[in-house]
Amino acid sequence: MIYSERQVMDQWWLRLILLIGPATVIYSLGVHARDADIDLRSSEDLMLLGVCLFTFLVTAVLWRMTLRTEVDDREIHLRFWPFARKVLPISEIQEADAVTYNALSDYGGWGVRWSANGRAWNAKGNEGVKLKMKNGKSILIGSQKAELLKDHIVSAMQRVAVR
């Protein structure tokens, strides 16, 4: 591996949104506990407990969303944990450019996105490397070190061309 980057989706506003679910569940559980005795044999209380556990599980998974980008001599490996993986052969890349973009207006947000501009893999920020593939498609890889990522991709492309 010649390059590796790990980006965590740790924007303050995203974390605030993620906390709304558990806060709502805790409040509801508190109101329910105040108004009635909790009896885990009742289906209502059991369902409330299940919703509580599910909400905390989903929040924990989303809290850890991570984009990992790895470049080696032959491929770019993208993993947006826990949702998606993609391997891009270096030999299929026609061009790589470091770019500044707007995640919301250009791609509709963060994560693994599809738009008229192509596909995007981004976790945060507004910089990345836009790849033009030999099949005509475009792929944006968000990066906090866009120039360095581009340099490693171009270097790998040159080594593949020599072979």
N, C-alpha and C. Protein backbone atom coordinates (compact mmCIF):
# COMPACT_ATOMS: atom_id res chain seq x y z
N MET A 1 0.84 -1.17 0.00
CA MET A 1 0.00 0.00 0.00
C MET A 1 0.90 1.24 0.00
N ILE A 2 0.57 2.19 -0.87
CA ILE A 2 1.39 3.40 -0.95
C ILE A 2 0.70 4.61 -0.34
N TYR A 3 -0.61 4.51 -0.08
CA TYR A 3 -1.33 5.62 0.53
C TYR A 3 -2.53 5.08 1.29
N SER A 4 -2.80 5.67 2.44
CA SER A 4 -3.96 5.28 3.23
C SER A 4 -4.50 6.51 3.96
N GLU A 5 -5.81 6.66 3.94
CA GLU A 5 -6.45 7.77 4.65
C GLU A 5 -7.75 7.27 5.24
N ARG A 6 -7.99 7.69 6.47
CA ARG A 6 -9.23 7.33 7.17
C ARG A 6 -9.91 8.62 7.60
N GLN A 7 -11.16 8.79 7.15
CA GLN A 7 -11.93 9.97 7.52
C GLN A 7 -13.18 9.55 8.28
N VAL A 8 -13.39 10.15 9.42
CA VAL A 8 -14.56 9.87 10.23
C VAL A 8 -15.57 11.00 10.01
N MET A 9 -16.82 10.63 9.85
CA MET A 9 -17.86 11.65 9.72
C MET A 9 -18.16 12.21 11.11
N ASP A 10 -17.36 13.20 11.51
CA ASP A 10 -17.47 13.73 12.87
C ASP A 10 -17.88 15.20 12.91
N GLN A 11 -18.63 15.62 11.90
CA GLN A 11 -19.11 16.99 11.90
C GLN A 11 -20.03 17.21 13.11
N TRP A 12 -19.93 18.36 13.77
CA TRP A 12 -20.70 18.63 14.99
C TRP A 12 -22.21 18.53 14.75
N TRP A 13 -22.67 19.03 13.60
CA TRP A 13 -24.11 19.03 13.32
C TRP A 13 -24.63 17.61 13.08
N LEU A 14 -23.79 16.75 12.50
CA LEU A 14 -24.19 15.35 12.29
C LEU A 14 -24.30 14.63 13.64
N ARG A 15 -23.33 14.87 14.51
CA ARG A 15 -23.37 14.27 15.84
C ARG A 15 -24.60 14.75 16.61
N LEU A 16 -24.96 16.02 16.46
CA LEU A 16 -26.15 16.56 17.13
C LEU A 16 -27.41 15.86 16.63
N ILE A 17 -27.51 15.69 15.32
CA ILE A 17 -28.67 14.99 14.74
C ILE A 17 -28.73 13.55 15.26
N LEU A 18 -27.58 12.89 15.31
CA LEU A 18 -27.56 11.50 15.78
C LEU A 18 -27.99 11.37 17.24
N LEU A 19 -27.77 12.40 18.03
CA LEU A 19 -28.14 12.35 19.45
C LEU A 19 -29.64 12.58 19.68
N ILE A 20 -30.34 13.09 18.68
CA ILE A 20 -31.78 13.35 18.83
C ILE A 20 -32.55 12.06 19.08
N GLY A 21 -32.23 10.99 18.35
CA GLY A 21 -32.93 9.70 18.52
C GLY A 21 -32.81 9.16 19.94
N PRO A 22 -31.58 8.95 20.44
CA PRO A 22 -31.44 8.45 21.81
C PRO A 22 -32.03 9.38 22.86
N ALA A 23 -31.90 10.70 22.66
CA ALA A 23 -32.47 11.64 23.63
C ALA A 23 -33.98 11.51 23.68
N THR A 24 -34.61 11.35 22.52
CA THR A 24 -36.06 11.17 22.46
C THR A 24 -36.48 9.88 23.15
N VAL A 25 -35.73 8.82 22.91
CA VAL A 25 -36.05 7.54 23.54
C VAL A 25 -35.88 7.62 25.05
N ILE A 26 -34.81 8.24 25.51
CA ILE A 26 -34.59 8.37 26.96
C ILE A 26 -35.71 9.19 27.59
N TYR A 27 -36.10 10.27 26.94
CA TYR A 27 -37.21 11.09 27.45
C TYR A 27 -38.50 10.27 27.51
N SER A 28 -38.82 9.56 26.43
CA SER A 28 -40.03 8.74 26.39
C SER A 28 -40.01 7.66 27.45
N LEU A 29 -38.86 7.04 27.63
CA LEU A 29 -38.72 6.01 28.64
C LEU A 29 -38.92 6.60 30.04
N GLY A 30 -38.38 7.79 30.26
CA GLY A 30 -38.55 8.46 31.55
C GLY A 30 -40.00 8.81 31.83
N VAL A 31 -40.70 9.32 30.82
CA VAL A 31 -42.13 9.65 30.98
C VAL A 31 -42.93 8.38 31.26
N HIS A 32 -42.63 7.32 30.53
CA HIS A 32 -43.34 6.06 30.71
C HIS A 32 -43.07 5.48 32.10
N ALA A 33 -41.81 5.53 32.53
CA ALA A 33 -41.45 4.99 33.85
C ALA A 33 -42.11 5.80 34.97
N ARG A 34 -42.26 7.10 34.77
CA ARG A 34 -42.91 7.94 35.78
C ARG A 34 -44.41 7.66 35.87
N ASP A 35 -45.03 7.41 34.72
CA ASP A 35 -46.48 7.24 34.67
C ASP A 35 -46.95 5.81 34.93
N ALA A 36 -46.08 4.84 34.82
CA ALA A 36 -46.52 3.45 34.97
C ALA A 36 -45.36 2.60 35.47
N ASP A 37 -45.70 1.51 36.09
CA ASP A 37 -44.68 0.55 36.49
C ASP A 37 -44.21 -0.19 35.23
N ILE A 38 -42.91 -0.33 35.11
CA ILE A 38 -42.37 -1.05 33.95
C ILE A 38 -42.45 -2.54 34.24
N ASP A 39 -43.07 -3.25 33.31
CA ASP A 39 -43.25 -4.69 33.43
C ASP A 39 -42.79 -5.32 32.12
N LEU A 40 -41.64 -5.97 32.14
CA LEU A 40 -41.08 -6.53 30.91
C LEU A 40 -41.90 -7.70 30.37
N ARG A 41 -42.93 -8.12 31.11
CA ARG A 41 -43.82 -9.15 30.59
C ARG A 41 -44.91 -8.54 29.71
N SER A 42 -45.09 -7.22 29.80
CA SER A 42 -46.11 -6.58 28.96
C SER A 42 -45.51 -6.29 27.59
N SER A 43 -46.31 -6.47 26.57
CA SER A 43 -45.81 -6.28 25.21
C SER A 43 -45.46 -4.81 24.95
N GLU A 44 -46.19 -3.91 25.57
CA GLU A 44 -45.90 -2.48 25.39
C GLU A 44 -44.53 -2.12 25.95
N ASP A 45 -44.23 -2.58 27.15
CA ASP A 45 -42.93 -2.29 27.76
C ASP A 45 -41.80 -3.01 27.04
N LEU A 46 -42.06 -4.22 26.61
CA LEU A 46 -41.06 -4.96 25.86
C LEU A 46 -40.76 -4.27 24.52
N MET A 47 -41.80 -3.77 23.88
CA MET A 47 -41.62 -3.05 22.61
C MET A 47 -40.84 -1.75 22.84
N LEU A 48 -41.14 -1.04 23.91
CA LEU A 48 -40.42 0.18 24.23
C LEU A 48 -38.94 -0.10 24.48
N LEU A 49 -38.65 -1.18 25.16
CA LEU A 49 -37.26 -1.58 25.39
C LEU A 49 -36.57 -1.94 24.07
N GLY A 50 -37.28 -2.63 23.20
CA GLY A 50 -36.73 -2.98 21.88
C GLY A 50 -36.43 -1.76 21.04
N VAL A 51 -37.33 -0.78 21.04
CA VAL A 51 -37.11 0.46 20.30
C VAL A 51 -35.90 1.19 20.87
N CYS A 52 -35.79 1.19 22.19
CA CYS A 52 -34.66 1.83 22.86
C CYS A 52 -33.33 1.17 22.42
N LEU A 53 -33.26 -0.13 22.48
CA LEU A 53 -32.04 -0.85 22.09
C LEU A 53 -31.72 -0.64 20.61
N PHE A 54 -32.74 -0.71 19.76
CA PHE A 54 -32.55 -0.51 18.33
C PHE A 54 -32.01 0.90 18.04
N THR A 55 -32.59 1.89 18.69
CA THR A 55 -32.16 3.28 18.49
C THR A 55 -30.70 3.47 18.88
N PHE A 56 -30.31 2.89 20.02
CA PHE A 56 -28.93 3.03 20.45
C PHE A 56 -27.98 2.28 19.53
N LEU A 57 -28.40 1.13 19.02
CA LEU A 57 -27.57 0.36 18.10
C LEU A 57 -27.35 1.13 16.80
N VAL A 58 -28.43 1.66 16.22
CA VAL A 58 -28.33 2.42 14.98
C VAL A 58 -27.45 3.66 15.18
N THR A 59 -27.65 4.34 16.30
CA THR A 59 -26.84 5.53 16.59
C THR A 59 -25.36 5.17 16.71
N ALA A 60 -25.06 4.07 17.39
CA ALA A 60 -23.66 3.65 17.55
C ALA A 60 -23.02 3.34 16.21
N VAL A 61 -23.75 2.68 15.32
CA VAL A 61 -23.22 2.35 13.99
C VAL A 61 -22.99 3.62 13.18
N LEU A 62 -23.99 4.51 13.16
CA LEU A 62 -23.85 5.74 12.38
C LEU A 62 -22.78 6.67 12.96
N TRP A 63 -22.60 6.63 14.27
CA TRP A 63 -21.59 7.46 14.93
C TRP A 63 -20.19 7.11 14.42
N ARG A 64 -20.01 5.85 14.00
CA ARG A 64 -18.69 5.37 13.57
C ARG A 64 -18.51 5.33 12.05
N MET A 65 -19.39 5.99 11.29
CA MET A 65 -19.25 5.98 9.83
C MET A 65 -17.88 6.50 9.44
N THR A 66 -17.21 5.75 8.60
CA THR A 66 -15.82 6.06 8.24
C THR A 66 -15.60 5.79 6.75
N LEU A 67 -14.87 6.68 6.11
CA LEU A 67 -14.42 6.44 4.74
C LEU A 67 -12.92 6.13 4.78
N ARG A 68 -12.57 4.95 4.31
CA ARG A 68 -11.16 4.56 4.23
C ARG A 68 -10.79 4.48 2.76
N THR A 69 -9.70 5.17 2.43
CA THR A 69 -9.17 5.18 1.06
C THR A 69 -7.76 4.61 1.11
N GLU A 70 -7.52 3.59 0.30
CA GLU A 70 -6.19 2.99 0.22
C GLU A 70 -5.79 2.86 -1.25
N VAL A 71 -4.56 3.24 -1.52
CA VAL A 71 -4.04 3.14 -2.89
C VAL A 71 -2.82 2.23 -2.85
N ASP A 72 -2.81 1.25 -3.75
CA ASP A 72 -1.61 0.43 -3.91
C ASP A 72 -1.18 0.52 -5.37
N ASP A 73 -0.26 -0.31 -5.78
CA ASP A 73 0.27 -0.23 -7.15
C ASP A 73 -0.75 -0.59 -8.23
N ARG A 74 -1.80 -1.29 -7.86
CA ARG A 74 -2.75 -1.77 -8.87
C ARG A 74 -4.18 -1.27 -8.70
N GLU A 75 -4.55 -0.86 -7.47
CA GLU A 75 -5.96 -0.55 -7.21
C GLU A 75 -6.12 0.56 -6.17
N ILE A 76 -7.32 1.17 -6.23
CA ILE A 76 -7.76 2.06 -5.17
C ILE A 76 -8.88 1.32 -4.45
N HIS A 77 -8.74 1.19 -3.15
CA HIS A 77 -9.76 0.51 -2.34
C HIS A 77 -10.52 1.57 -1.55
N LEU A 78 -11.84 1.60 -1.72
CA LEU A 78 -12.69 2.52 -0.98
C LEU A 78 -13.61 1.71 -0.09
N ARG A 79 -13.73 2.13 1.15
CA ARG A 79 -14.67 1.46 2.05
C ARG A 79 -15.36 2.53 2.88
N PHE A 80 -16.67 2.60 2.70
CA PHE A 80 -17.47 3.50 3.51
C PHE A 80 -18.19 2.63 4.53
N TRP A 81 -17.56 2.50 5.70
CA TRP A 81 -18.07 1.60 6.72
C TRP A 81 -19.30 2.19 7.37
N PRO A 82 -20.35 1.47 7.55
CA PRO A 82 -20.55 0.03 7.37
C PRO A 82 -21.32 -0.33 6.11
N PHE A 83 -21.36 0.57 5.13
CA PHE A 83 -22.31 0.41 4.04
C PHE A 83 -21.77 -0.13 2.72
N ALA A 84 -20.61 0.33 2.27
CA ALA A 84 -20.22 0.00 0.89
C ALA A 84 -18.71 -0.14 0.75
N ARG A 85 -18.34 -0.90 -0.29
CA ARG A 85 -16.94 -1.09 -0.68
C ARG A 85 -16.84 -0.96 -2.19
N LYS A 86 -15.68 -0.52 -2.65
CA LYS A 86 -15.45 -0.42 -4.09
C LYS A 86 -13.95 -0.55 -4.33
N VAL A 87 -13.61 -1.27 -5.39
CA VAL A 87 -12.22 -1.40 -5.82
C VAL A 87 -12.14 -0.83 -7.23
N LEU A 88 -11.23 0.12 -7.40
CA LEU A 88 -11.04 0.75 -8.71
C LEU A 88 -9.65 0.36 -9.24
N PRO A 89 -9.59 -0.38 -10.33
CA PRO A 89 -8.29 -0.72 -10.90
C PRO A 89 -7.60 0.55 -11.43
N ILE A 90 -6.34 0.72 -11.08
CA ILE A 90 -5.56 1.87 -11.55
C ILE A 90 -5.55 1.91 -13.07
N SER A 91 -5.51 0.73 -13.70
CA SER A 91 -5.45 0.65 -15.16
C SER A 91 -6.71 1.20 -15.84
N GLU A 92 -7.80 1.37 -15.10
CA GLU A 92 -9.05 1.89 -15.66
C GLU A 92 -9.18 3.40 -15.52
N ILE A 93 -8.21 4.03 -14.87
CA ILE A 93 -8.27 5.48 -14.65
C ILE A 93 -7.58 6.21 -15.80
N GLN A 94 -8.28 7.16 -16.37
CA GLN A 94 -7.73 7.95 -17.47
C GLN A 94 -7.06 9.21 -16.94
N GLU A 95 -7.65 9.81 -15.89
CA GLU A 95 -7.17 11.10 -15.42
C GLU A 95 -7.52 11.26 -13.94
N ALA A 96 -6.68 11.97 -13.19
CA ALA A 96 -6.93 12.25 -11.78
C ALA A 96 -6.59 13.71 -11.50
N ASP A 97 -7.54 14.44 -10.92
CA ASP A 97 -7.33 15.85 -10.61
C ASP A 97 -7.79 16.17 -9.20
N ALA A 98 -6.99 16.94 -8.47
CA ALA A 98 -7.41 17.44 -7.16
C ALA A 98 -8.42 18.56 -7.41
N VAL A 99 -9.55 18.50 -6.70
CA VAL A 99 -10.63 19.47 -6.92
C VAL A 99 -11.20 19.96 -5.58
N THR A 100 -11.86 21.10 -5.68
CA THR A 100 -12.68 21.61 -4.58
C THR A 100 -14.12 21.48 -5.05
N TYR A 101 -14.99 21.01 -4.20
CA TYR A 101 -16.38 20.77 -4.58
C TYR A 101 -17.30 21.13 -3.42
N ASN A 102 -18.59 21.18 -3.72
CA ASN A 102 -19.61 21.40 -2.70
C ASN A 102 -20.41 20.11 -2.59
N ALA A 103 -20.26 19.42 -1.47
CA ALA A 103 -20.91 18.12 -1.31
C ALA A 103 -22.43 18.20 -1.48
N LEU A 104 -23.04 19.23 -0.94
CA LEU A 104 -24.50 19.34 -1.04
C LEU A 104 -24.97 19.66 -2.44
N SER A 105 -24.42 20.70 -3.05
CA SER A 105 -24.94 21.09 -4.37
C SER A 105 -24.41 20.22 -5.51
N ASP A 106 -23.19 19.72 -5.39
CA ASP A 106 -22.62 18.91 -6.48
C ASP A 106 -23.03 17.44 -6.42
N TYR A 107 -23.21 16.91 -5.19
CA TYR A 107 -23.48 15.48 -5.06
C TYR A 107 -24.67 15.14 -4.16
N GLY A 108 -25.31 16.14 -3.59
CA GLY A 108 -26.48 15.87 -2.76
C GLY A 108 -26.16 15.47 -1.33
N GLY A 109 -24.92 15.66 -0.89
CA GLY A 109 -24.58 15.36 0.49
C GLY A 109 -23.32 14.51 0.60
N TRP A 110 -23.18 13.91 1.79
CA TRP A 110 -21.99 13.11 2.11
C TRP A 110 -22.34 11.63 2.11
N GLY A 111 -21.32 10.81 2.00
CA GLY A 111 -21.51 9.36 1.96
C GLY A 111 -21.16 8.86 0.57
N VAL A 112 -21.81 7.80 0.16
CA VAL A 112 -21.65 7.29 -1.20
C VAL A 112 -22.84 7.84 -1.97
N ARG A 113 -22.56 8.72 -2.93
CA ARG A 113 -23.62 9.47 -3.60
C ARG A 113 -23.54 9.31 -5.11
N TRP A 114 -24.70 9.41 -5.75
CA TRP A 114 -24.80 9.41 -7.20
C TRP A 114 -25.44 10.72 -7.61
N SER A 115 -24.92 11.33 -8.68
CA SER A 115 -25.52 12.56 -9.19
C SER A 115 -25.17 12.70 -10.66
N ALA A 116 -25.63 13.80 -11.25
CA ALA A 116 -25.29 14.08 -12.65
C ALA A 116 -23.78 14.29 -12.81
N ASN A 117 -23.10 14.64 -11.72
CA ASN A 117 -21.65 14.84 -11.76
C ASN A 117 -20.87 13.54 -11.64
N GLY A 118 -21.56 12.44 -11.46
CA GLY A 118 -20.90 11.15 -11.29
C GLY A 118 -21.12 10.62 -9.89
N ARG A 119 -20.30 9.71 -9.51
CA ARG A 119 -20.40 9.09 -8.18
C ARG A 119 -19.41 9.77 -7.25
N ALA A 120 -19.80 9.89 -5.97
CA ALA A 120 -18.91 10.49 -4.98
C ALA A 120 -18.81 9.59 -3.76
N TRP A 121 -17.62 9.51 -3.23
CA TRP A 121 -17.34 8.83 -1.96
C TRP A 121 -16.72 9.91 -1.09
N ASN A 122 -17.48 10.46 -0.16
CA ASN A 122 -16.95 11.53 0.67
C ASN A 122 -17.50 11.46 2.09
N ALA A 123 -16.68 11.91 3.03
CA ALA A 123 -17.07 11.86 4.44
C ALA A 123 -17.19 13.25 5.04
N LYS A 124 -16.34 14.16 4.62
CA LYS A 124 -16.41 15.53 5.14
C LYS A 124 -15.52 16.42 4.29
N GLY A 125 -15.69 17.69 4.47
CA GLY A 125 -14.85 18.65 3.77
C GLY A 125 -15.31 18.94 2.36
N ASN A 126 -14.47 19.68 1.63
CA ASN A 126 -14.83 20.08 0.27
C ASN A 126 -13.70 19.86 -0.73
N GLU A 127 -12.75 19.02 -0.36
CA GLU A 127 -11.66 18.71 -1.27
C GLU A 127 -11.62 17.23 -1.58
N GLY A 128 -11.12 16.93 -2.76
CA GLY A 128 -11.03 15.53 -3.14
C GLY A 128 -10.30 15.36 -4.45
N VAL A 129 -10.33 14.14 -4.95
CA VAL A 129 -9.71 13.81 -6.23
C VAL A 129 -10.81 13.29 -7.14
N LYS A 130 -10.94 13.94 -8.28
CA LYS A 130 -11.93 13.51 -9.26
C LYS A 130 -11.22 12.64 -10.29
N LEU A 131 -11.73 11.43 -10.41
CA LEU A 131 -11.18 10.47 -11.37
C LEU A 131 -12.05 10.43 -12.60
N LYS A 132 -11.44 10.51 -13.76
CA LYS A 132 -12.14 10.26 -15.01
C LYS A 132 -11.72 8.87 -15.43
N MET A 133 -12.69 7.99 -15.51
CA MET A 133 -12.40 6.60 -15.85
C MET A 133 -12.38 6.43 -17.37
N LYS A 134 -11.73 5.39 -17.84
CA LYS A 134 -11.66 5.12 -19.27
C LYS A 134 -13.01 4.82 -19.89
N ASN A 135 -13.98 4.38 -19.06
CA ASN A 135 -15.33 4.11 -19.56
C ASN A 135 -16.19 5.38 -19.62
N GLY A 136 -15.60 6.55 -19.30
CA GLY A 136 -16.30 7.82 -19.38
C GLY A 136 -16.95 8.28 -18.09
N LYS A 137 -17.02 7.41 -17.09
CA LYS A 137 -17.64 7.78 -15.82
C LYS A 137 -16.67 8.59 -14.96
N SER A 138 -17.26 9.37 -14.04
CA SER A 138 -16.46 10.15 -13.10
C SER A 138 -16.71 9.67 -11.69
N ILE A 139 -15.66 9.65 -10.89
CA ILE A 139 -15.77 9.26 -9.49
C ILE A 139 -14.98 10.28 -8.67
N LEU A 140 -15.63 10.84 -7.66
CA LEU A 140 -14.96 11.76 -6.75
C LEU A 140 -14.64 11.02 -5.47
N ILE A 141 -13.41 11.15 -5.00
CA ILE A 141 -13.00 10.58 -3.72
C ILE A 141 -12.68 11.77 -2.81
N GLY A 142 -13.50 11.98 -1.79
CA GLY A 142 -13.24 13.06 -0.84
C GLY A 142 -11.97 12.76 -0.05
N SER A 143 -11.21 13.82 0.26
CA SER A 143 -9.96 13.63 0.98
C SER A 143 -9.60 14.89 1.74
N GLN A 144 -9.00 14.72 2.89
CA GLN A 144 -8.45 15.85 3.64
C GLN A 144 -7.04 16.17 3.15
N LYS A 145 -6.51 15.31 2.27
CA LYS A 145 -5.16 15.48 1.70
C LYS A 145 -5.25 15.24 0.19
N ALA A 146 -6.07 16.04 -0.49
CA ALA A 146 -6.38 15.80 -1.89
C ALA A 146 -5.15 15.81 -2.80
N GLU A 147 -4.27 16.76 -2.63
CA GLU A 147 -3.07 16.83 -3.49
C GLU A 147 -2.19 15.59 -3.32
N LEU A 148 -2.01 15.17 -2.07
CA LEU A 148 -1.20 13.99 -1.79
C LEU A 148 -1.84 12.73 -2.38
N LEU A 149 -3.15 12.59 -2.22
CA LEU A 149 -3.87 11.45 -2.80
C LEU A 149 -3.73 11.45 -4.32
N LYS A 150 -3.94 12.60 -4.94
CA LYS A 150 -3.79 12.70 -6.40
C LYS A 150 -2.39 12.30 -6.83
N ASP A 151 -1.37 12.79 -6.12
CA ASP A 151 0.01 12.47 -6.48
C ASP A 151 0.26 10.95 -6.42
N HIS A 152 -0.27 10.29 -5.41
CA HIS A 152 -0.09 8.83 -5.29
C HIS A 152 -0.84 8.08 -6.40
N ILE A 153 -2.02 8.57 -6.75
CA ILE A 153 -2.79 7.92 -7.82
C ILE A 153 -2.06 8.09 -9.15
N VAL A 154 -1.61 9.31 -9.44
CA VAL A 154 -0.89 9.58 -10.70
C VAL A 154 0.39 8.75 -10.77
N SER A 155 1.09 8.66 -9.65
CA SER A 155 2.31 7.85 -9.60
C SER A 155 2.00 6.38 -9.88
N ALA A 156 0.92 5.87 -9.30
CA ALA A 156 0.52 4.48 -9.57
C ALA A 156 0.11 4.31 -11.02
N MET A 157 -0.57 5.32 -11.61
CA MET A 157 -0.96 5.25 -13.01
C MET A 157 0.29 5.18 -13.91
N GLN A 158 1.31 5.93 -13.58
CA GLN A 158 2.54 5.92 -14.38
C GLN A 158 3.25 4.56 -14.27
N ARG A 159 3.24 3.96 -13.08
CA ARG A 159 3.87 2.64 -12.94
C ARG A 159 3.10 1.57 -13.71
N VAL A 160 1.76 1.68 -13.72
CA VAL A 160 0.94 0.71 -14.48
C VAL A 160 1.20 0.88 -15.97
N ALA A 161 1.35 2.12 -16.45
CA ALA A 161 1.57 2.37 -17.87
C ALA A 161 2.91 1.81 -18.34
N VAL A 162 3.89 1.77 -17.48
CA VAL A 162 5.23 1.26 -17.82
C VAL A 162 5.20 -0.25 -17.99
N ARG A 163 4.37 -0.92 -17.22
CA ARG A 163 4.35 -2.40 -17.25
C ARG A 163 3.87 -2.94 -18.55
